[in-house]
């Protein structure tokens, strides 16, 4: 998978790599040189890419208010 360096020294990170690293617009990355001379792109702020579960995690909606929950738990007996 290759890319071209622009006259400003910029490159586009291929989508497959961005997805694998879990990076998107505004993400910060660091370039590190490995002992064998290769350069490694490391996303900053996360220790690893988000799993499929983590990407979908959240809650389903606004949910019920405290008053609505209390009304369900109280009995009018």
PDB file of N, CA and C in Angstrom:
ATOM      1  N   UNK A   1       0.862  -1.158   0.000  1.00  0.00           N
ATOM      2  CA  UNK A   1       0.000   0.000   0.000  1.00  0.00           C
ATOM      3  C   UNK A   1       0.914   1.228   0.000  1.00  0.00           C
ATOM      4  N   UNK A   2       0.841   2.010  -1.035  1.00  0.00           N
ATOM      5  CA  UNK A   2       1.716   3.167  -1.144  1.00  0.00           C
ATOM      6  C   UNK A   2       0.935   4.465  -1.183  1.00  0.00           C
ATOM      7  N   UNK A   3       1.639   5.550  -1.019  1.00  0.00           N
ATOM      8  CA  UNK A   3       1.049   6.883  -1.085  1.00  0.00           C
ATOM      9  C   UNK A   3       2.108   7.843  -1.609  1.00  0.00           C
ATOM     10  N   UNK A   4       1.726   9.034  -1.978  1.00  0.00           N
ATOM     11  CA  UNK A   4       2.638  10.023  -2.553  1.00  0.00           C
ATOM     12  C   UNK A   4       2.827  11.188  -1.580  1.00  0.00           C
ATOM     13  N   UNK A   5       4.041  11.649  -1.471  1.00  0.00           N
ATOM     14  CA  UNK A   5       4.350  12.806  -0.628  1.00  0.00           C
ATOM     15  C   UNK A   5       4.116  14.070  -1.459  1.00  0.00           C
ATOM     16  N   UNK A   6       3.382  15.031  -0.892  1.00  0.00           N
ATOM     17  CA  UNK A   6       3.122  16.296  -1.592  1.00  0.00           C
ATOM     18  C   UNK A   6       4.333  17.210  -1.479  1.00  0.00           C
ATOM     19  N   UNK A   7       4.285  18.342  -2.180  1.00  0.00           N
ATOM     20  CA  UNK A   7       5.385  19.311  -2.121  1.00  0.00           C
ATOM     21  C   UNK A   7       5.551  19.905  -0.722  1.00  0.00           C
ATOM     22  N   UNK A   8       4.489  19.830   0.087  1.00  0.00           N
ATOM     23  CA  UNK A   8       4.550  20.323   1.473  1.00  0.00           C
ATOM     24  C   UNK A   8       4.996  19.246   2.455  1.00  0.00           C
ATOM     25  N   UNK A   9       5.293  18.038   1.947  1.00  0.00           N
ATOM     26  CA  UNK A   9       5.728  16.950   2.816  1.00  0.00           C
ATOM     27  C   UNK A   9       4.579  16.197   3.453  1.00  0.00           C
ATOM     28  N   UNK A  10       3.381  16.360   2.924  1.00  0.00           N
ATOM     29  CA  UNK A  10       2.200  15.711   3.492  1.00  0.00           C
ATOM     30  C   UNK A  10       1.886  14.417   2.752  1.00  0.00           C
ATOM     31  N   UNK A  11       1.285  13.480   3.470  1.00  0.00           N
ATOM     32  CA  UNK A  11       0.816  12.234   2.861  1.00  0.00           C
ATOM     33  C   UNK A  11      -0.588  11.944   3.350  1.00  0.00           C
ATOM     34  N   UNK A  12      -1.331  11.193   2.564  1.00  0.00           N
ATOM     35  CA  UNK A  12      -2.638  10.720   2.994  1.00  0.00           C
ATOM     36  C   UNK A  12      -2.454   9.321   3.545  1.00  0.00           C
ATOM     37  N   UNK A  13      -2.889   9.106   4.774  1.00  0.00           N
ATOM     38  CA  UNK A  13      -2.811   7.772   5.369  1.00  0.00           C
ATOM     39  C   UNK A  13      -3.956   6.955   4.778  1.00  0.00           C
ATOM     40  N   UNK A  14      -3.654   5.811   4.176  1.00  0.00           N
ATOM     41  CA  UNK A  14      -4.718   5.005   3.570  1.00  0.00           C
ATOM     42  C   UNK A  14      -5.809   4.646   4.578  1.00  0.00           C
ATOM     43  N   UNK A  15      -7.050   4.563   4.104  1.00  0.00           N
ATOM     44  CA  UNK A  15      -8.207   4.304   4.961  1.00  0.00           C
ATOM     45  C   UNK A  15      -8.047   3.033   5.779  1.00  0.00           C
ATOM     46  N   UNK A  16      -7.531   1.990   5.161  1.00  0.00           N
ATOM     47  CA  UNK A  16      -7.356   0.725   5.893  1.00  0.00           C
ATOM     48  C   UNK A  16      -6.429   0.908   7.095  1.00  0.00           C
ATOM     49  N   UNK A  17      -5.395   1.721   6.940  1.00  0.00           N
ATOM     50  CA  UNK A  17      -4.458   1.981   8.046  1.00  0.00           C
ATOM     51  C   UNK A  17      -5.131   2.854   9.100  1.00  0.00           C
ATOM     52  N   UNK A  18      -5.867   3.906   8.664  1.00  0.00           N
ATOM     53  CA  UNK A  18      -6.585   4.757   9.623  1.00  0.00           C
ATOM     54  C   UNK A  18      -7.581   3.936  10.432  1.00  0.00           C
ATOM     55  N   UNK A  19      -8.319   3.066   9.762  1.00  0.00           N
ATOM     56  CA  UNK A  19      -9.291   2.220  10.460  1.00  0.00           C
ATOM     57  C   UNK A  19      -8.586   1.296  11.448  1.00  0.00           C
ATOM     58  N   UNK A  20      -7.487   0.687  11.028  1.00  0.00           N
ATOM     59  CA  UNK A  20      -6.742  -0.229  11.895  1.00  0.00           C
ATOM     60  C   UNK A  20      -6.213   0.482  13.134  1.00  0.00           C
ATOM     61  N   UNK A  21      -5.717   1.717  12.954  1.00  0.00           N
ATOM     62  CA  UNK A  21      -5.154   2.477  14.078  1.00  0.00           C
ATOM     63  C   UNK A  21      -6.214   3.218  14.887  1.00  0.00           C
ATOM     64  N   UNK A  22      -7.434   3.287  14.345  1.00  0.00           N
ATOM     65  CA  UNK A  22      -8.501   3.985  15.053  1.00  0.00           C
ATOM     66  C   UNK A  22      -8.314   5.490  15.042  1.00  0.00           C
ATOM     67  N   UNK A  23      -7.768   6.017  13.960  1.00  0.00           N
ATOM     68  CA  UNK A  23      -7.551   7.465  13.874  1.00  0.00           C
ATOM     69  C   UNK A  23      -8.489   8.080  12.844  1.00  0.00           C
ATOM     70  N   UNK A  24      -8.841   9.343  13.080  1.00  0.00           N
ATOM     71  CA  UNK A  24      -9.735  10.056  12.188  1.00  0.00           C
ATOM     72  C   UNK A  24      -9.360  11.522  12.176  1.00  0.00           C
ATOM     73  N   UNK A  25     -10.220  12.359  11.609  1.00  0.00           N
ATOM     74  CA  UNK A  25      -9.931  13.792  11.560  1.00  0.00           C
ATOM     75  C   UNK A  25      -9.662  14.348  12.964  1.00  0.00           C
ATOM     76  N   UNK A  26      -8.588  15.094  13.091  1.00  0.00           N
ATOM     77  CA  UNK A  26      -8.234  15.687  14.379  1.00  0.00           C
ATOM     78  C   UNK A  26      -7.396  14.795  15.271  1.00  0.00           C
ATOM     79  N   UNK A  27      -7.226  13.538  14.886  1.00  0.00           N
ATOM     80  CA  UNK A  27      -6.399  12.626  15.691  1.00  0.00           C
ATOM     81  C   UNK A  27      -4.942  13.060  15.636  1.00  0.00           C
ATOM     82  N   UNK A  28      -4.236  12.792  16.698  1.00  0.00           N
ATOM     83  CA  UNK A  28      -2.809  13.089  16.755  1.00  0.00           C
ATOM     84  C   UNK A  28      -2.045  11.774  16.615  1.00  0.00           C
ATOM     85  N   UNK A  29      -0.954  11.824  15.840  1.00  0.00           N
ATOM     86  CA  UNK A  29      -0.100  10.654  15.674  1.00  0.00           C
ATOM     87  C   UNK A  29       1.344  11.052  15.919  1.00  0.00           C
ATOM     88  N   UNK A  30       2.159  10.076  16.212  1.00  0.00           N
ATOM     89  CA  UNK A  30       3.580  10.300  16.429  1.00  0.00           C
ATOM     90  C   UNK A  30       4.338   9.366  15.502  1.00  0.00           C
ATOM     91  N   UNK A  31       5.457   9.833  14.978  1.00  0.00           N
ATOM     92  CA  UNK A  31       6.313   9.012  14.137  1.00  0.00           C
ATOM     93  C   UNK A  31       7.519   8.601  14.963  1.00  0.00           C
ATOM     94  N   UNK A  32       7.771   7.291  15.041  1.00  0.00           N
ATOM     95  CA  UNK A  32       8.904   6.780  15.808  1.00  0.00           C
ATOM     96  C   UNK A  32       9.805   5.965  14.891  1.00  0.00           C
ATOM     97  N   UNK A  33      11.097   6.075  15.129  1.00  0.00           N
ATOM     98  CA  UNK A  33      12.045   5.290  14.346  1.00  0.00           C
ATOM     99  C   UNK A  33      12.370   4.011  15.098  1.00  0.00           C
ATOM    100  N   UNK A  34      12.194   2.894  14.432  1.00  0.00           N
ATOM    101  CA  UNK A  34      12.496   1.594  15.025  1.00  0.00           C
ATOM    102  C   UNK A  34      13.994   1.317  14.889  1.00  0.00           C
ATOM    103  N   UNK A  35      14.456   0.346  15.626  1.00  0.00           N
ATOM    104  CA  UNK A  35      15.872  -0.010  15.605  1.00  0.00           C
ATOM    105  C   UNK A  35      16.369  -0.445  14.243  1.00  0.00           C
ATOM    106  N   UNK A  36      15.484  -0.989  13.426  1.00  0.00           N
ATOM    107  CA  UNK A  36      15.884  -1.458  12.099  1.00  0.00           C
ATOM    108  C   UNK A  36      15.804  -0.353  11.038  1.00  0.00           C
ATOM    109  N   UNK A  37      15.509   0.894  11.456  1.00  0.00           N
ATOM    110  CA  UNK A  37      15.457   2.024  10.535  1.00  0.00           C
ATOM    111  C   UNK A  37      14.076   2.332  10.000  1.00  0.00           C
ATOM    112  N   UNK A  38      13.111   1.468  10.247  1.00  0.00           N
ATOM    113  CA  UNK A  38      11.747   1.723   9.791  1.00  0.00           C
ATOM    114  C   UNK A  38      11.100   2.790  10.658  1.00  0.00           C
ATOM    115  N   UNK A  39      10.107   3.470  10.107  1.00  0.00           N
ATOM    116  CA  UNK A  39       9.366   4.494  10.849  1.00  0.00           C
ATOM    117  C   UNK A  39       7.990   3.928  11.163  1.00  0.00           C
ATOM    118  N   UNK A  40       7.565   4.097  12.395  1.00  0.00           N
ATOM    119  CA  UNK A  40       6.287   3.561  12.877  1.00  0.00           C
ATOM    120  C   UNK A  40       5.361   4.724  13.189  1.00  0.00           C
ATOM    121  N   UNK A  41       4.102   4.620  12.742  1.00  0.00           N
ATOM    122  CA  UNK A  41       3.083   5.626  13.053  1.00  0.00           C
ATOM    123  C   UNK A  41       2.327   5.143  14.282  1.00  0.00           C
ATOM    124  N   UNK A  42       2.305   5.971  15.330  1.00  0.00           N
ATOM    125  CA  UNK A  42       1.661   5.601  16.587  1.00  0.00           C
ATOM    126  C   UNK A  42       0.574   6.622  16.912  1.00  0.00           C
ATOM    127  N   UNK A  43      -0.686   6.173  17.059  1.00  0.00           N
ATOM    128  CA  UNK A  43      -1.733   7.118  17.455  1.00  0.00           C
ATOM    129  C   UNK A  43      -1.515   7.556  18.900  1.00  0.00           C
ATOM    130  N   UNK A  44      -1.681   8.836  19.170  1.00  0.00           N
ATOM    131  CA  UNK A  44      -1.520   9.346  20.533  1.00  0.00           C
ATOM    132  C   UNK A  44      -2.878   9.399  21.222  1.00  0.00           C
ATOM    133  N   UNK A  45      -2.892   9.201  22.513  1.00  0.00           N
ATOM    134  CA  UNK A  45      -4.125   9.297  23.277  1.00  0.00           C
ATOM    135  C   UNK A  45      -4.830   7.972  23.473  1.00  0.00           C
ATOM    136  N   UNK A  46      -4.511   6.993  22.679  1.00  0.00           N
ATOM    137  CA  UNK A  46      -5.097   5.666  22.840  1.00  0.00           C
ATOM    138  C   UNK A  46      -3.967   4.653  22.810  1.00  0.00           C
ATOM    139  N   UNK A  47      -4.066   3.660  23.662  1.00  0.00           N
ATOM    140  CA  UNK A  47      -3.014   2.656  23.681  1.00  0.00           C
ATOM    141  C   UNK A  47      -3.210   1.622  22.580  1.00  0.00           C
ATOM    142  N   UNK A  48      -4.430   1.497  22.073  1.00  0.00           N
ATOM    143  CA  UNK A  48      -4.716   0.536  21.008  1.00  0.00           C
ATOM    144  C   UNK A  48      -5.986   0.964  20.291  1.00  0.00           C
ATOM    145  N   UNK A  49      -6.183   0.462  19.069  1.00  0.00           N
ATOM    146  CA  UNK A  49      -7.414   0.807  18.360  1.00  0.00           C
ATOM    147  C   UNK A  49      -8.641   0.278  19.091  1.00  0.00           C
ATOM    148  N   UNK A  50      -9.752   0.958  18.944  1.00  0.00           N
ATOM    149  CA  UNK A  50     -10.992   0.526  19.580  1.00  0.00           C
ATOM    150  C   UNK A  50     -11.468  -0.776  18.950  1.00  0.00           C
ATOM    151  N   UNK A  51     -11.934  -1.695  19.786  1.00  0.00           N
ATOM    152  CA  UNK A  51     -12.495  -2.935  19.262  1.00  0.00           C
ATOM    153  C   UNK A  51     -13.855  -2.643  18.638  1.00  0.00           C
ATOM    154  N   UNK A  52     -14.390  -3.601  17.939  1.00  0.00           N
ATOM    155  CA  UNK A  52     -15.715  -3.419  17.346  1.00  0.00           C
ATOM    156  C   UNK A  52     -16.744  -3.110  18.434  1.00  0.00           C
ATOM    157  N   UNK A  53     -16.633  -3.780  19.562  1.00  0.00           N
ATOM    158  CA  UNK A  53     -17.559  -3.547  20.669  1.00  0.00           C
ATOM    159  C   UNK A  53     -17.425  -2.119  21.189  1.00  0.00           C
ATOM    160  N   UNK A  54     -16.187  -1.657  21.395  1.00  0.00           N
ATOM    161  CA  UNK A  54     -15.957  -0.306  21.923  1.00  0.00           C
ATOM    162  C   UNK A  54     -16.484   0.768  20.981  1.00  0.00           C
ATOM    163  N   UNK A  55     -16.424   0.515  19.672  1.00  0.00           N
ATOM    164  CA  UNK A  55     -16.920   1.489  18.708  1.00  0.00           C
ATOM    165  C   UNK A  55     -18.433   1.622  18.787  1.00  0.00           C
ATOM    166  N   UNK A  56     -19.130   0.557  19.182  1.00  0.00           N
ATOM    167  CA  UNK A  56     -20.587   0.569  19.241  1.00  0.00           C
ATOM    168  C   UNK A  56     -21.122   0.879  20.631  1.00  0.00           C
ATOM    169  N   UNK A  57     -20.245   0.955  21.618  1.00  0.00           N
ATOM    170  CA  UNK A  57     -20.650   1.119  23.002  1.00  0.00           C
ATOM    171  C   UNK A  57     -21.293   2.483  23.251  1.00  0.00           C
ATOM    172  N   UNK A  58     -22.265   2.495  24.099  1.00  0.00           N
ATOM    173  CA  UNK A  58     -22.978   3.718  24.433  1.00  0.00           C
ATOM    174  C   UNK A  58     -24.326   3.311  24.989  1.00  0.00           C
ATOM    175  N   UNK A  59     -25.288   4.176  24.898  1.00  0.00           N
ATOM    176  CA  UNK A  59     -26.616   3.739  25.299  1.00  0.00           C
ATOM    177  C   UNK A  59     -27.601   4.033  24.190  1.00  0.00           C
ATOM    178  N   UNK A  60     -28.733   3.378  24.252  1.00  0.00           N
ATOM    179  CA  UNK A  60     -29.677   3.362  23.136  1.00  0.00           C
ATOM    180  C   UNK A  60     -30.450   4.654  22.934  1.00  0.00           C
ATOM    181  N   UNK A  61     -30.527   5.492  23.924  1.00  0.00           N
ATOM    182  CA  UNK A  61     -31.306   6.707  23.747  1.00  0.00           C
ATOM    183  C   UNK A  61     -31.346   7.529  25.011  1.00  0.00           C
ATOM    184  N   UNK A  62     -32.279   8.454  25.048  1.00  0.00           N
ATOM    185  CA  UNK A  62     -32.380   9.372  26.175  1.00  0.00           C
ATOM    186  C   UNK A  62     -32.767   8.648  27.461  1.00  0.00           C
ATOM    187  N   UNK A  63     -33.549   7.588  27.364  1.00  0.00           N
ATOM    188  CA  UNK A  63     -33.938   6.844  28.551  1.00  0.00           C
ATOM    189  C   UNK A  63     -35.011   7.554  29.355  1.00  0.00           C
ATOM    190  N   UNK A  64     -35.258   7.030  30.556  1.00  0.00           N
ATOM    191  CA  UNK A  64     -36.315   7.574  31.404  1.00  0.00           C
ATOM    192  C   UNK A  64     -35.724   8.561  32.403  1.00  0.00           C
ATOM    193  N   UNK A  65     -36.558   9.484  32.840  1.00  0.00           N
ATOM    194  CA  UNK A  65     -36.136  10.437  33.864  1.00  0.00           C
ATOM    195  C   UNK A  65     -36.204   9.758  35.226  1.00  0.00           C
ATOM    196  N   UNK A  66     -35.603  10.367  36.216  1.00  0.00           N
ATOM    197  CA  UNK A  66     -35.649   9.831  37.578  1.00  0.00           C
ATOM    198  C   UNK A  66     -37.089   9.734  38.065  1.00  0.00           C
ATOM    199  N   UNK A  67     -37.900  10.744  37.790  1.00  0.00           N
ATOM    200  CA  UNK A  67     -39.308  10.719  38.210  1.00  0.00           C
ATOM    201  C   UNK A  67     -40.066   9.550  37.573  1.00  0.00           C
ATOM    202  N   UNK A  68     -39.795   9.273  36.307  1.00  0.00           N
ATOM    203  CA  UNK A  68     -40.459   8.151  35.635  1.00  0.00           C
ATOM    204  C   UNK A  68     -40.047   6.810  36.243  1.00  0.00           C
ATOM    205  N   UNK A  69     -38.781   6.670  36.569  1.00  0.00           N
ATOM    206  CA  UNK A  69     -38.301   5.433  37.203  1.00  0.00           C
ATOM    207  C   UNK A  69     -38.932   5.275  38.581  1.00  0.00           C
ATOM    208  N   UNK A  70     -38.976   6.362  39.355  1.00  0.00           N
ATOM    209  CA  UNK A  70     -39.578   6.312  40.693  1.00  0.00           C
ATOM    210  C   UNK A  70     -41.056   5.955  40.612  1.00  0.00           C
ATOM    211  N   UNK A  71     -41.770   6.472  39.615  1.00  0.00           N
ATOM    212  CA  UNK A  71     -43.194   6.167  39.450  1.00  0.00           C
ATOM    213  C   UNK A  71     -43.395   4.686  39.156  1.00  0.00           C
ATOM    214  N   UNK A  72     -42.486   4.076  38.422  1.00  0.00           N
ATOM    215  CA  UNK A  72     -42.591   2.642  38.129  1.00  0.00           C
ATOM    216  C   UNK A  72     -42.329   1.774  39.362  1.00  0.00           C
ATOM    217  N   UNK A  73     -41.451   2.245  40.232  1.00  0.00           N
ATOM    218  CA  UNK A  73     -41.077   1.430  41.397  1.00  0.00           C
ATOM    219  C   UNK A  73     -42.028   1.602  42.576  1.00  0.00           C
ATOM    220  N   UNK A  74     -42.818   2.653  42.572  1.00  0.00           N
ATOM    221  CA  UNK A  74     -43.770   2.885  43.664  1.00  0.00           C
ATOM    222  C   UNK A  74     -45.072   2.169  43.373  1.00  0.00           C
ATOM    223  N   UNK A  75     -45.676   1.685  44.407  1.00  0.00           N
ATOM    224  CA  UNK A  75     -46.986   1.049  44.212  1.00  0.00           C
ATOM    225  C   UNK A  75     -48.060   1.944  44.834  1.00  0.00           C
ATOM    226  N   UNK A  76     -49.233   1.922  44.239  1.00  0.00           N
ATOM    227  CA  UNK A  76     -50.341   2.715  44.737  1.00  0.00           C
ATOM    228  C   UNK A  76     -51.313   1.854  45.576  1.00  0.00           C
ATOM    229  N   UNK A  77     -50.824   0.752  46.134  1.00  0.00           N
ATOM    230  CA  UNK A  77     -51.669  -0.157  46.923  1.00  0.00           C
ATOM    231  C   UNK A  77     -52.111   0.451  48.223  1.00  0.00           C
TER     232      UNK A  77
END
